[in-house]
PDB file of N, CA and C in Angstrom:
ATOM      1  N   MET A   1      18.398  25.625  -3.913  1.00  0.00           N
ATOM      2  CA  MET A   1      18.917  24.326  -4.276  1.00  0.00           C
ATOM      3  C   MET A   1      18.111  23.775  -5.459  1.00  0.00           C
ATOM      4  N   ILE A   2      18.779  23.144  -6.384  1.00  0.00           N
ATOM      5  CA  ILE A   2      18.141  22.589  -7.571  1.00  0.00           C
ATOM      6  C   ILE A   2      17.935  21.089  -7.381  1.00  0.00           C
ATOM      7  N   LYS A   3      16.748  20.607  -7.759  1.00  0.00           N
ATOM      8  CA  LYS A   3      16.422  19.189  -7.580  1.00  0.00           C
ATOM      9  C   LYS A   3      15.835  18.601  -8.858  1.00  0.00           C
ATOM     10  N   VAL A   4      15.964  17.275  -8.963  1.00  0.00           N
ATOM     11  CA  VAL A   4      15.331  16.517 -10.048  1.00  0.00           C
ATOM     12  C   VAL A   4      14.011  16.030  -9.487  1.00  0.00           C
ATOM     13  N   LYS A   5      12.890  16.484 -10.087  1.00  0.00           N
ATOM     14  CA  LYS A   5      11.559  16.215  -9.537  1.00  0.00           C
ATOM     15  C   LYS A   5      10.667  15.512 -10.547  1.00  0.00           C
ATOM     16  N   LEU A   6       9.550  14.965 -10.031  1.00  0.00           N
ATOM     17  CA  LEU A   6       8.491  14.421 -10.868  1.00  0.00           C
ATOM     18  C   LEU A   6       7.409  15.486 -11.001  1.00  0.00           C
ATOM     19  N   LEU A   7       7.043  15.821 -12.231  1.00  0.00           N
ATOM     20  CA  LEU A   7       6.034  16.826 -12.501  1.00  0.00           C
ATOM     21  C   LEU A   7       4.793  16.120 -13.040  1.00  0.00           C
ATOM     22  N   PRO A   8       3.678  16.082 -12.282  1.00  0.00           N
ATOM     23  CA  PRO A   8       2.497  15.330 -12.724  1.00  0.00           C
ATOM     24  C   PRO A   8       1.784  15.996 -13.895  1.00  0.00           C
ATOM     25  N   ARG A   9       1.319  15.175 -14.818  1.00  0.00           N
ATOM     26  CA  ARG A   9       0.554  15.628 -15.983  1.00  0.00           C
ATOM     27  C   ARG A   9      -0.558  14.623 -16.249  1.00  0.00           C
ATOM     28  N   GLY A  10      -1.628  15.028 -16.910  1.00  0.00           N
ATOM     29  CA  GLY A  10      -2.684  14.118 -17.327  1.00  0.00           C
ATOM     30  C   GLY A  10      -3.901  14.159 -16.418  1.00  0.00           C
ATOM     31  N   LYS A  11      -4.793  13.184 -16.643  1.00  0.00           N
ATOM     32  CA  LYS A  11      -6.034  13.088 -15.886  1.00  0.00           C
ATOM     33  C   LYS A  11      -5.809  12.361 -14.561  1.00  0.00           C
ATOM     34  N   LYS A  12      -6.863  12.303 -13.736  1.00  0.00           N
ATOM     35  CA  LYS A  12      -6.755  11.687 -12.419  1.00  0.00           C
ATOM     36  C   LYS A  12      -6.263  10.247 -12.472  1.00  0.00           C
ATOM     37  N   HIS A  13      -6.913   9.400 -13.236  1.00  0.00           N
ATOM     38  CA  HIS A  13      -6.551   7.985 -13.266  1.00  0.00           C
ATOM     39  C   HIS A  13      -5.677   7.626 -14.458  1.00  0.00           C
ATOM     40  N   GLN A  14      -5.225   8.617 -15.204  1.00  0.00           N
ATOM     41  CA  GLN A  14      -4.329   8.397 -16.342  1.00  0.00           C
ATOM     42  C   GLN A  14      -3.120   9.320 -16.217  1.00  0.00           C
ATOM     43  N   ILE A  15      -2.557   9.382 -15.029  1.00  0.00           N
ATOM     44  CA  ILE A  15      -1.492  10.344 -14.755  1.00  0.00           C
ATOM     45  C   ILE A  15      -0.160   9.871 -15.338  1.00  0.00           C
ATOM     46  N   THR A  16       0.618  10.826 -15.816  1.00  0.00           N
ATOM     47  CA  THR A  16       1.992  10.580 -16.238  1.00  0.00           C
ATOM     48  C   THR A  16       2.861  11.630 -15.543  1.00  0.00           C
ATOM     49  N   TYR A  17       4.144  11.376 -15.490  1.00  0.00           N
ATOM     50  CA  TYR A  17       5.055  12.301 -14.821  1.00  0.00           C
ATOM     51  C   TYR A  17       6.164  12.707 -15.775  1.00  0.00           C
ATOM     52  N   ARG A  18       6.498  13.993 -15.769  1.00  0.00           N
ATOM     53  CA  ARG A  18       7.677  14.495 -16.474  1.00  0.00           C
ATOM     54  C   ARG A  18       8.795  14.551 -15.434  1.00  0.00           C
ATOM     55  N   ILE A  19       9.988  14.155 -15.809  1.00  0.00           N
ATOM     56  CA  ILE A  19      11.143  14.247 -14.917  1.00  0.00           C
ATOM     57  C   ILE A  19      11.869  15.533 -15.288  1.00  0.00           C
ATOM     58  N   VAL A  20      11.869  16.497 -14.359  1.00  0.00           N
ATOM     59  CA  VAL A  20      12.365  17.838 -14.655  1.00  0.00           C
ATOM     60  C   VAL A  20      13.369  18.306 -13.610  1.00  0.00           C
ATOM     61  N   ILE A  21      14.107  19.346 -13.983  1.00  0.00           N
ATOM     62  CA  ILE A  21      15.007  20.048 -13.069  1.00  0.00           C
ATOM     63  C   ILE A  21      14.290  21.326 -12.650  1.00  0.00           C
ATOM     64  N   SER A  22      14.128  21.518 -11.349  1.00  0.00           N
ATOM     65  CA  SER A  22      13.478  22.747 -10.891  1.00  0.00           C
ATOM     66  C   SER A  22      14.029  23.140  -9.530  1.00  0.00           C
ATOM     67  N   GLU A  23      13.645  24.324  -9.117  1.00  0.00           N
ATOM     68  CA  GLU A  23      14.071  24.846  -7.824  1.00  0.00           C
ATOM     69  C   GLU A  23      13.414  24.023  -6.714  1.00  0.00           C
ATOM     70  N   ASP A  24      14.109  23.847  -5.624  1.00  0.00           N
ATOM     71  CA  ASP A  24      13.642  23.018  -4.508  1.00  0.00           C
ATOM     72  C   ASP A  24      12.311  23.512  -3.949  1.00  0.00           C
ATOM     73  N   ARG A  25      12.158  24.802  -3.789  1.00  0.00           N
ATOM     74  CA  ARG A  25      10.978  25.366  -3.135  1.00  0.00           C
ATOM     75  C   ARG A  25       9.845  25.712  -4.103  1.00  0.00           C
ATOM     76  N   SER A  26       9.983  25.375  -5.381  1.00  0.00           N
ATOM     77  CA  SER A  26       8.928  25.700  -6.344  1.00  0.00           C
ATOM     78  C   SER A  26       7.764  24.731  -6.193  1.00  0.00           C
ATOM     79  N   LYS A  27       6.611  25.116  -6.753  1.00  0.00           N
ATOM     80  CA  LYS A  27       5.424  24.274  -6.698  1.00  0.00           C
ATOM     81  C   LYS A  27       5.689  22.966  -7.435  1.00  0.00           C
ATOM     82  N   PHE A  28       4.986  21.911  -7.031  1.00  0.00           N
ATOM     83  CA  PHE A  28       5.257  20.612  -7.635  1.00  0.00           C
ATOM     84  C   PHE A  28       4.872  20.565  -9.119  1.00  0.00           C
ATOM     85  N   ASP A  29       3.966  21.443  -9.551  1.00  0.00           N
ATOM     86  CA  ASP A  29       3.622  21.494 -10.972  1.00  0.00           C
ATOM     87  C   ASP A  29       3.892  22.889 -11.553  1.00  0.00           C
ATOM     88  N   GLY A  30       4.868  23.567 -10.985  1.00  0.00           N
ATOM     89  CA  GLY A  30       5.183  24.924 -11.410  1.00  0.00           C
ATOM     90  C   GLY A  30       6.238  24.976 -12.501  1.00  0.00           C
ATOM     91  N   LYS A  31       6.976  26.099 -12.531  1.00  0.00           N
ATOM     92  CA  LYS A  31       8.005  26.288 -13.555  1.00  0.00           C
ATOM     93  C   LYS A  31       9.163  25.330 -13.335  1.00  0.00           C
ATOM     94  N   PHE A  32       9.812  24.967 -14.433  1.00  0.00           N
ATOM     95  CA  PHE A  32      10.990  24.114 -14.322  1.00  0.00           C
ATOM     96  C   PHE A  32      12.079  24.624 -15.247  1.00  0.00           C
ATOM     97  N   ILE A  33      13.315  24.208 -14.989  1.00  0.00           N
ATOM     98  CA  ILE A  33      14.474  24.686 -15.735  1.00  0.00           C
ATOM     99  C   ILE A  33      14.727  23.835 -16.971  1.00  0.00           C
ATOM    100  N   ASP A  34      14.707  22.507 -16.796  1.00  0.00           N
ATOM    101  CA  ASP A  34      15.028  21.608 -17.907  1.00  0.00           C
ATOM    102  C   ASP A  34      14.185  20.346 -17.795  1.00  0.00           C
ATOM    103  N   ASP A  35      13.873  19.744 -18.950  1.00  0.00           N
ATOM    104  CA  ASP A  35      13.077  18.522 -19.029  1.00  0.00           C
ATOM    105  C   ASP A  35      14.015  17.356 -19.358  1.00  0.00           C
ATOM    106  N   LEU A  36      14.011  16.307 -18.506  1.00  0.00           N
ATOM    107  CA  LEU A  36      14.916  15.183 -18.711  1.00  0.00           C
ATOM    108  C   LEU A  36      14.240  13.949 -19.312  1.00  0.00           C
ATOM    109  N   GLY A  37      12.952  13.776 -19.092  1.00  0.00           N
ATOM    110  CA  GLY A  37      12.263  12.601 -19.627  1.00  0.00           C
ATOM    111  C   GLY A  37      10.878  12.460 -19.031  1.00  0.00           C
ATOM    112  N   PHE A  38      10.349  11.216 -19.038  1.00  0.00           N
ATOM    113  CA  PHE A  38       9.008  10.982 -18.518  1.00  0.00           C
ATOM    114  C   PHE A  38       8.906   9.604 -17.884  1.00  0.00           C
ATOM    115  N   TYR A  39       7.821   9.402 -17.083  1.00  0.00           N
ATOM    116  CA  TYR A  39       7.517   8.119 -16.466  1.00  0.00           C
ATOM    117  C   TYR A  39       6.011   7.914 -16.522  1.00  0.00           C
ATOM    118  N   THR A  40       5.589   6.727 -17.002  1.00  0.00           N
ATOM    119  CA  THR A  40       4.177   6.382 -17.058  1.00  0.00           C
ATOM    120  C   THR A  40       3.935   5.186 -16.134  1.00  0.00           C
ATOM    121  N   PRO A  41       3.241   5.381 -15.004  1.00  0.00           N
ATOM    122  CA  PRO A  41       3.051   4.286 -14.045  1.00  0.00           C
ATOM    123  C   PRO A  41       2.180   3.146 -14.561  1.00  0.00           C
ATOM    124  N   GLN A  42       1.211   3.430 -15.441  1.00  0.00           N
ATOM    125  CA  GLN A  42       0.314   2.374 -15.932  1.00  0.00           C
ATOM    126  C   GLN A  42       1.082   1.319 -16.720  1.00  0.00           C
ATOM    127  N   THR A  43       2.039   1.754 -17.538  1.00  0.00           N
ATOM    128  CA  THR A  43       2.816   0.824 -18.364  1.00  0.00           C
ATOM    129  C   THR A  43       4.233   0.634 -17.829  1.00  0.00           C
ATOM    130  N   LYS A  44       4.561   1.285 -16.723  1.00  0.00           N
ATOM    131  CA  LYS A  44       5.897   1.220 -16.111  1.00  0.00           C
ATOM    132  C   LYS A  44       6.993   1.656 -17.096  1.00  0.00           C
ATOM    133  N   THR A  45       6.679   2.611 -17.957  1.00  0.00           N
ATOM    134  CA  THR A  45       7.627   3.124 -18.948  1.00  0.00           C
ATOM    135  C   THR A  45       8.439   4.261 -18.337  1.00  0.00           C
ATOM    136  N   LEU A  46       9.754   4.140 -18.427  1.00  0.00           N
ATOM    137  CA  LEU A  46      10.650   5.176 -17.918  1.00  0.00           C
ATOM    138  C   LEU A  46      11.623   5.548 -19.021  1.00  0.00           C
ATOM    139  N   SER A  47      11.626   6.820 -19.398  1.00  0.00           N
ATOM    140  CA  SER A  47      12.540   7.310 -20.421  1.00  0.00           C
ATOM    141  C   SER A  47      13.220   8.557 -19.870  1.00  0.00           C
ATOM    142  N   ILE A  48      14.546   8.505 -19.807  1.00  0.00           N
ATOM    143  CA  ILE A  48      15.281   9.629 -19.230  1.00  0.00           C
ATOM    144  C   ILE A  48      16.585   9.823 -19.997  1.00  0.00           C
ATOM    145  N   ASP A  49      16.981  11.091 -20.174  1.00  0.00           N
ATOM    146  CA  ASP A  49      18.239  11.427 -20.842  1.00  0.00           C
ATOM    147  C   ASP A  49      19.341  11.393 -19.778  1.00  0.00           C
ATOM    148  N   LYS A  50      20.104  10.305 -19.760  1.00  0.00           N
ATOM    149  CA  LYS A  50      21.103  10.091 -18.702  1.00  0.00           C
ATOM    150  C   LYS A  50      22.270  11.067 -18.798  1.00  0.00           C
ATOM    151  N   GLU A  51      22.577  11.536 -19.992  1.00  0.00           N
ATOM    152  CA  GLU A  51      23.668  12.501 -20.140  1.00  0.00           C
ATOM    153  C   GLU A  51      23.305  13.821 -19.471  1.00  0.00           C
ATOM    154  N   LYS A  52      22.075  14.293 -19.718  1.00  0.00           N
ATOM    155  CA  LYS A  52      21.619  15.535 -19.090  1.00  0.00           C
ATOM    156  C   LYS A  52      21.571  15.377 -17.573  1.00  0.00           C
ATOM    157  N   LEU A  53      21.094  14.202 -17.117  1.00  0.00           N
ATOM    158  CA  LEU A  53      20.995  13.957 -15.678  1.00  0.00           C
ATOM    159  C   LEU A  53      22.375  13.994 -15.026  1.00  0.00           C
ATOM    160  N   ALA A  54      23.356  13.346 -15.648  1.00  0.00           N
ATOM    161  CA  ALA A  54      24.711  13.345 -15.112  1.00  0.00           C
ATOM    162  C   ALA A  54      25.293  14.758 -15.092  1.00  0.00           C
ATOM    163  N   ASP A  55      25.011  15.524 -16.151  1.00  0.00           N
ATOM    164  CA  ASP A  55      25.498  16.905 -16.232  1.00  0.00           C
ATOM    165  C   ASP A  55      24.902  17.754 -15.109  1.00  0.00           C
ATOM    166  N   TRP A  56      23.584  17.626 -14.863  1.00  0.00           N
ATOM    167  CA  TRP A  56      22.942  18.409 -13.808  1.00  0.00           C
ATOM    168  C   TRP A  56      23.417  17.958 -12.428  1.00  0.00           C
ATOM    169  N   GLN A  57      23.681  16.660 -12.253  1.00  0.00           N
ATOM    170  CA  GLN A  57      24.178  16.204 -10.958  1.00  0.00           C
ATOM    171  C   GLN A  57      25.582  16.738 -10.684  1.00  0.00           C
ATOM    172  N   LYS A  58      26.397  16.900 -11.748  1.00  0.00           N
ATOM    173  CA  LYS A  58      27.722  17.511 -11.577  1.00  0.00           C
ATOM    174  C   LYS A  58      27.590  18.961 -11.140  1.00  0.00           C
ATOM    175  N   LYS A  59      26.528  19.623 -11.621  1.00  0.00           N
ATOM    176  CA  LYS A  59      26.292  21.018 -11.249  1.00  0.00           C
ATOM    177  C   LYS A  59      25.705  21.152  -9.842  1.00  0.00           C
ATOM    178  N   GLY A  60      25.310  20.026  -9.221  1.00  0.00           N
ATOM    179  CA  GLY A  60      24.816  20.088  -7.843  1.00  0.00           C
ATOM    180  C   GLY A  60      23.349  19.750  -7.666  1.00  0.00           C
ATOM    181  N   ALA A  61      22.668  19.333  -8.716  1.00  0.00           N
ATOM    182  CA  ALA A  61      21.251  18.971  -8.582  1.00  0.00           C
ATOM    183  C   ALA A  61      21.125  17.660  -7.818  1.00  0.00           C
ATOM    184  N   GLN A  62      20.141  17.599  -6.921  1.00  0.00           N
ATOM    185  CA  GLN A  62      19.917  16.390  -6.128  1.00  0.00           C
ATOM    186  C   GLN A  62      18.619  15.718  -6.539  1.00  0.00           C
ATOM    187  N   LEU A  63      18.578  14.391  -6.405  1.00  0.00           N
ATOM    188  CA  LEU A  63      17.379  13.629  -6.742  1.00  0.00           C
ATOM    189  C   LEU A  63      16.399  13.662  -5.573  1.00  0.00           C
ATOM    190  N   THR A  64      15.115  13.796  -5.876  1.00  0.00           N
ATOM    191  CA  THR A  64      14.103  13.632  -4.834  1.00  0.00           C
ATOM    192  C   THR A  64      13.924  12.136  -4.607  1.00  0.00           C
ATOM    193  N   THR A  65      13.248  11.761  -3.524  1.00  0.00           N
ATOM    194  CA  THR A  65      13.092  10.336  -3.217  1.00  0.00           C
ATOM    195  C   THR A  65      12.270   9.619  -4.283  1.00  0.00           C
ATOM    196  N   GLY A  66      11.266  10.291  -4.862  1.00  0.00           N
ATOM    197  CA  GLY A  66      10.454   9.672  -5.910  1.00  0.00           C
ATOM    198  C   GLY A  66      11.270   9.319  -7.132  1.00  0.00           C
ATOM    199  N   VAL A  67      12.114  10.225  -7.581  1.00  0.00           N
ATOM    200  CA  VAL A  67      12.964   9.981  -8.746  1.00  0.00           C
ATOM    201  C   VAL A  67      14.025   8.945  -8.400  1.00  0.00           C
ATOM    202  N   ASP A  68      14.563   9.018  -7.189  1.00  0.00           N
ATOM    203  CA  ASP A  68      15.587   8.057  -6.771  1.00  0.00           C
ATOM    204  C   ASP A  68      15.024   6.640  -6.719  1.00  0.00           C
ATOM    205  N   LYS A  69      13.769   6.488  -6.294  1.00  0.00           N
ATOM    206  CA  LYS A  69      13.135   5.172  -6.271  1.00  0.00           C
ATOM    207  C   LYS A  69      12.951   4.612  -7.679  1.00  0.00           C
ATOM    208  N   LEU A  70      12.703   5.491  -8.641  1.00  0.00           N
ATOM    209  CA  LEU A  70      12.554   5.039 -10.030  1.00  0.00           C
ATOM    210  C   LEU A  70      13.896   4.618 -10.623  1.00  0.00           C
ATOM    211  N   LEU A  71      14.947   5.390 -10.342  1.00  0.00           N
ATOM    212  CA  LEU A  71      16.251   5.115 -10.937  1.00  0.00           C
ATOM    213  C   LEU A  71      17.013   4.016 -10.201  1.00  0.00           C
ATOM    214  N   ASN A  72      16.825   3.879  -8.891  1.00  0.00           N
ATOM    215  CA  ASN A  72      17.537   2.876  -8.083  1.00  0.00           C
ATOM    216  C   ASN A  72      16.546   2.054  -7.261  1.00  0.00           C
ATOM    217  N   PRO A  73      15.766   1.160  -7.873  1.00  0.00           N
ATOM    218  CA  PRO A  73      14.750   0.409  -7.115  1.00  0.00           C
ATOM    219  C   PRO A  73      15.344  -0.575  -6.113  1.00  0.00           C
ATOM    220  N   ASP A  74      16.589  -1.034  -6.328  1.00  0.00           N
ATOM    221  CA  ASP A  74      17.214  -1.977  -5.403  1.00  0.00           C
ATOM    222  C   ASP A  74      17.562  -1.323  -4.065  1.00  0.00           C
ATOM    223  N   LYS A  75      17.718  -0.010  -4.092  1.00  0.00           N
ATOM    224  CA  LYS A  75      18.076   0.744  -2.894  1.00  0.00           C
ATOM    225  C   LYS A  75      16.924   0.783  -1.881  1.00  0.00           C
ATOM    226  N   TYR A  76      15.678   0.669  -2.389  1.00  0.00           N
ATOM    227  CA  TYR A  76      14.485   0.754  -1.554  1.00  0.00           C
ATOM    228  C   TYR A  76      13.739  -0.586  -1.585  1.00  0.00           C
ATOM    229  N   PRO A  77      13.853  -1.396  -0.525  1.00  0.00           N
ATOM    230  CA  PRO A  77      13.144  -2.682  -0.522  1.00  0.00           C
ATOM    231  C   PRO A  77      11.641  -2.475  -0.409  1.00  0.00           C
ATOM    232  N   LYS A  78      10.876  -3.416  -0.973  1.00  0.00           N
ATOM    233  CA  LYS A  78       9.419  -3.317  -0.908  1.00  0.00           C
ATOM    234  C   LYS A  78       8.951  -3.597   0.506  1.00  0.00           C
ATOM    235  N   LYS A  79       7.915  -2.861   0.916  1.00  0.00           N
ATOM    236  CA  LYS A  79       7.372  -3.044   2.253  1.00  0.00           C
ATOM    237  C   LYS A  79       6.458  -4.266   2.266  1.00  0.00           C
ATOM    238  N   ILE A  80       6.547  -5.032   3.343  1.00  0.00           N
ATOM    239  CA  ILE A  80       5.690  -6.199   3.521  1.00  0.00           C
ATOM    240  C   ILE A  80       4.562  -5.808   4.459  1.00  0.00           C
ATOM    241  N   LYS A  81       3.321  -6.110   4.053  1.00  0.00           N
ATOM    242  CA  LYS A  81       2.184  -5.762   4.885  1.00  0.00           C
ATOM    243  C   LYS A  81       2.153  -6.673   6.103  1.00  0.00           C
ATOM    244  N   VAL A  82       1.974  -6.071   7.267  1.00  0.00           N
ATOM    245  CA  VAL A  82       1.929  -6.816   8.515  1.00  0.00           C
ATOM    246  C   VAL A  82       0.490  -6.820   9.009  1.00  0.00           C
ATOM    247  N   VAL A  83      -0.046  -8.019   9.254  1.00  0.00           N
ATOM    248  CA  VAL A  83      -1.404  -8.136   9.775  1.00  0.00           C
ATOM    249  C   VAL A  83      -1.349  -7.838  11.264  1.00  0.00           C
ATOM    250  N   LYS A  84      -2.266  -7.015  11.716  1.00  0.00           N
ATOM    251  CA  LYS A  84      -2.279  -6.652  13.126  1.00  0.00           C
ATOM    252  C   LYS A  84      -2.595  -7.883  13.967  1.00  0.00           C
ATOM    253  N   GLU A  85      -1.900  -8.018  15.091  1.00  0.00           N
ATOM    254  CA  GLU A  85      -2.055  -9.170  15.961  1.00  0.00           C
ATOM    255  C   GLU A  85      -3.448  -9.249  16.570  1.00  0.00           C
ATOM    256  N   GLU A  86      -4.073  -8.102  16.850  1.00  0.00           N
ATOM    257  CA  GLU A  86      -5.398  -8.089  17.461  1.00  0.00           C
ATOM    258  C   GLU A  86      -6.413  -8.771  16.562  1.00  0.00           C
ATOM    259  N   LYS A  87      -6.371  -8.478  15.264  1.00  0.00           N
ATOM    260  CA  LYS A  87      -7.320  -9.075  14.339  1.00  0.00           C
ATOM    261  C   LYS A  87      -7.123 -10.581  14.274  1.00  0.00           C
ATOM    262  N   VAL A  88      -5.890 -11.034  14.263  1.00  0.00           N
ATOM    263  CA  VAL A  88      -5.600 -12.465  14.204  1.00  0.00           C
ATOM    264  C   VAL A  88      -6.121 -13.141  15.468  1.00  0.00           C
ATOM    265  N   LYS A  89      -5.895 -12.547  16.642  1.00  0.00           N
ATOM    266  CA  LYS A  89      -6.356 -13.126  17.897  1.00  0.00           C
ATOM    267  C   LYS A  89      -7.876 -13.205  17.932  1.00  0.00           C
ATOM    268  N   LYS A  90      -8.576 -12.158  17.470  1.00  0.00           N
ATOM    269  CA  LYS A  90     -10.038 -12.160  17.459  1.00  0.00           C
ATOM    270  C   LYS A  90     -10.560 -13.274  16.563  1.00  0.00           C
ATOM    271  N   GLU A  91      -9.929 -13.474  15.412  1.00  0.00           N
ATOM    272  CA  GLU A  91     -10.359 -14.533  14.503  1.00  0.00           C
ATOM    273  C   GLU A  91     -10.153 -15.902  15.142  1.00  0.00           C
ATOM    274  N   GLU A  92      -9.044 -16.107  15.866  1.00  0.00           N
ATOM    275  CA  GLU A  92      -8.785 -17.379  16.533  1.00  0.00           C
ATOM    276  C   GLU A  92      -9.832 -17.634  17.608  1.00  0.00           C
ATOM    277  N   ILE A  93     -10.196 -16.606  18.369  1.00  0.00           N
ATOM    278  CA  ILE A  93     -11.191 -16.748  19.428  1.00  0.00           C
ATOM    279  C   ILE A  93     -12.538 -17.123  18.821  1.00  0.00           C
ATOM    280  N   LYS A  94     -12.920 -16.487  17.726  1.00  0.00           N
ATOM    281  CA  LYS A  94     -14.196 -16.788  17.075  1.00  0.00           C
ATOM    282  C   LYS A  94     -14.221 -18.229  16.587  1.00  0.00           C
ATOM    283  N   THR A  95     -13.142 -18.720  16.028  1.00  0.00           N
ATOM    284  CA  THR A  95     -13.125 -20.097  15.538  1.00  0.00           C
ATOM    285  C   THR A  95     -13.198 -21.078  16.703  1.00  0.00           C
ATOM    286  N   GLU A  96     -12.578 -20.772  17.841  1.00  0.00           N
ATOM    287  CA  GLU A  96     -12.661 -21.643  19.005  1.00  0.00           C
ATOM    288  C   GLU A  96     -14.084 -21.698  19.535  1.00  0.00           C
ATOM    289  N   GLU A  97     -14.795 -20.561  19.569  1.00  0.00           N
ATOM    290  CA  GLU A  97     -16.175 -20.528  20.039  1.00  0.00           C
ATOM    291  C   GLU A  97     -17.059 -21.384  19.147  1.00  0.00           C
ATOM    292  N   VAL A  98     -16.851 -21.314  17.869  1.00  0.00           N
ATOM    293  CA  VAL A  98     -17.642 -22.103  16.930  1.00  0.00           C
ATOM    294  C   VAL A  98     -17.394 -23.592  17.162  1.00  0.00           C
ATOM    295  N   LYS A  99     -16.159 -23.972  17.399  1.00  0.00           N
ATOM    296  CA  LYS A  99     -15.826 -25.369  17.660  1.00  0.00           C
ATOM    297  C   LYS A  99     -16.501 -25.851  18.925  1.00  0.00           C
ATOM    298  N   VAL A 100     -16.526 -25.055  19.970  1.00  0.00           N
ATOM    299  CA  VAL A 100     -17.151 -25.434  21.233  1.00  0.00           C
ATOM    300  C   VAL A 100     -18.643 -25.641  21.031  1.00  0.00           C
ATOM    301  N   GLU A 101     -19.303 -24.780  20.292  1.00  0.00           N
ATOM    302  CA  GLU A 101     -20.736 -24.896  20.052  1.00  0.00           C
ATOM    303  C   GLU A 101     -21.063 -26.171  19.296  1.00  0.00           C
ATOM    304  N   THR A 102     -20.258 -26.539  18.346  1.00  0.00           N
ATOM    305  CA  THR A 102     -20.542 -27.746  17.570  1.00  0.00           C
ATOM    306  C   THR A 102     -20.368 -28.994  18.425  1.00  0.00           C
ATOM    307  N   THR A 103     -19.466 -29.022  19.380  1.00  0.00           N
ATOM    308  CA  THR A 103     -19.290 -30.200  20.229  1.00  0.00           C
ATOM    309  C   THR A 103     -20.440 -30.335  21.210  1.00  0.00           C
ATOM    310  N   GLU A 104     -21.025 -29.254  21.661  1.00  0.00           N
ATOM    311  CA  GLU A 104     -22.145 -29.314  22.600  1.00  0.00           C
ATOM    312  C   GLU A 104     -23.386 -29.907  21.948  1.00  0.00           C
ATOM    313  N   THR A 105     -23.607 -29.694  20.708  1.00  0.00           N
ATOM    314  CA  THR A 105     -24.803 -30.204  20.036  1.00  0.00           C
ATOM    315  C   THR A 105     -24.724 -31.697  19.780  1.00  0.00           C
ATOM    316  N   LYS A 106     -23.571 -32.293  19.906  1.00  0.00           N
ATOM    317  CA  LYS A 106     -23.408 -33.720  19.660  1.00  0.00           C
ATOM    318  C   LYS A 106     -23.655 -34.566  20.918  1.00  0.00           C
ATOM    319  N   GLU A 107     -24.144 -33.989  21.990  1.00  0.00           N
ATOM    320  CA  GLU A 107     -24.412 -34.726  23.220  1.00  0.00           C
ATOM    321  C   GLU A 107     -25.556 -35.717  22.995  1.00  0.00           C
ATOM    322  N   GLU A 108     -25.588 -36.773  23.827  1.00  0.00           N
ATOM    323  CA  GLU A 108     -26.637 -37.787  23.715  1.00  0.00           C
ATOM    324  C   GLU A 108     -27.975 -37.171  24.096  1.00  0.00           C
ATOM    325  N   PRO A 109     -29.055 -37.585  23.413  1.00  0.00           N
ATOM    326  CA  PRO A 109     -30.366 -37.010  23.751  1.00  0.00           C
ATOM    327  C   PRO A 109     -30.831 -37.479  25.135  1.00  0.00           C
ATOM    328  N   VAL A 110     -31.456 -36.588  25.846  1.00  0.00           N
ATOM    329  CA  VAL A 110     -31.961 -36.883  27.194  1.00  0.00           C
ATOM    330  C   VAL A 110     -33.357 -37.494  27.049  1.00  0.00           C
ATOM    331  N   GLU A 111     -33.642 -38.566  27.834  1.00  0.00           N
ATOM    332  CA  GLU A 111     -34.954 -39.201  27.775  1.00  0.00           C
ATOM    333  C   GLU A 111     -35.980 -38.270  28.381  1.00  0.00           C
ATOM    334  N   GLU A 112     -37.120 -38.224  27.722  1.00  0.00           N
ATOM    335  CA  GLU A 112     -38.179 -37.351  28.204  1.00  0.00           C
ATOM    336  C   GLU A 112     -38.987 -38.090  29.266  1.00  0.00           C
ATOM    337  N   THR A 113     -39.312 -37.427  30.333  1.00  0.00           N
ATOM    338  CA  THR A 113     -40.155 -38.014  31.386  1.00  0.00           C
ATOM    339  C   THR A 113     -41.424 -37.196  31.482  1.00  0.00           C
ATOM    340  N   LYS A 114     -42.518 -37.921  31.670  1.00  0.00           N
ATOM    341  CA  LYS A 114     -43.807 -37.239  31.795  1.00  0.00           C
ATOM    342  C   LYS A 114     -43.956 -36.762  33.231  1.00  0.00           C
ATOM    343  N   PRO A 115     -44.459 -35.585  33.390  1.00  0.00           N
ATOM    344  CA  PRO A 115     -44.655 -35.119  34.762  1.00  0.00           C
ATOM    345  C   PRO A 115     -45.797 -35.933  35.431  1.00  0.00           C
ATOM    346  N   GLU A 116     -45.617 -36.201  36.669  1.00  0.00           N
ATOM    347  CA  GLU A 116     -46.623 -36.979  37.412  1.00  0.00           C
ATOM    348  C   GLU A 116     -47.889 -36.147  37.609  1.00  0.00           C
ATOM    349  N   GLU A 117     -49.033 -36.830  37.439  1.00  0.00           N
ATOM    350  CA  GLU A 117     -50.303 -36.139  37.644  1.00  0.00           C
ATOM    351  C   GLU A 117     -50.630 -36.142  39.123  1.00  0.00           C
ATOM    352  N   PRO A 118     -51.159 -35.076  39.629  1.00  0.00           N
ATOM    353  CA  PRO A 118     -51.500 -35.044  41.060  1.00  0.00           C
ATOM    354  C   PRO A 118     -52.679 -36.000  41.363  1.00  0.00           C
ATOM    355  N   LYS A 119     -52.593 -36.696  42.468  1.00  0.00           N
ATOM    356  CA  LYS A 119     -53.633 -37.644  42.852  1.00  0.00           C
ATOM    357  C   LYS A 119     -54.796 -36.879  43.473  1.00  0.00           C
ATOM    358  N   THR A 120     -55.952 -37.247  43.050  1.00  0.00           N
ATOM    359  CA  THR A 120     -57.155 -36.616  43.612  1.00  0.00           C
ATOM    360  C   THR A 120     -57.875 -37.633  44.499  1.00  0.00           C
ATOM    361  N   GLU A 121     -58.307 -37.322  45.666  1.00  0.00           N
ATOM    362  CA  GLU A 121     -58.999 -38.224  46.580  1.00  0.00           C
ATOM    363  C   GLU A 121     -60.395 -37.843  46.824  1.00  0.00           C
TER     364      GLU A 121
END
């Protein structure tokens, strides 16, 4: 099966991707059949030859999820980070403990009494 894939190029933190046509089971950075364009994540630049892409899709090439997310971003909604309930509960408990401690220190001062001296006869 033929697929439209992202082929990584460049350094670790300066990576760019070539959008290529290659065999489904080939290595992710291996041989490819045709080059359609490129994508640069740092600048969000996407350049693709849509005529070639349409031609390859007519021949039966399928998009991988990575390429599909680039071409159809509305199809994939952004994930919302969910804060774990346990962490929120622990933070609430800690704030309640702090509040309790501050109220205890505001008590009225207790009068000091001197201990009675033992009587000697």
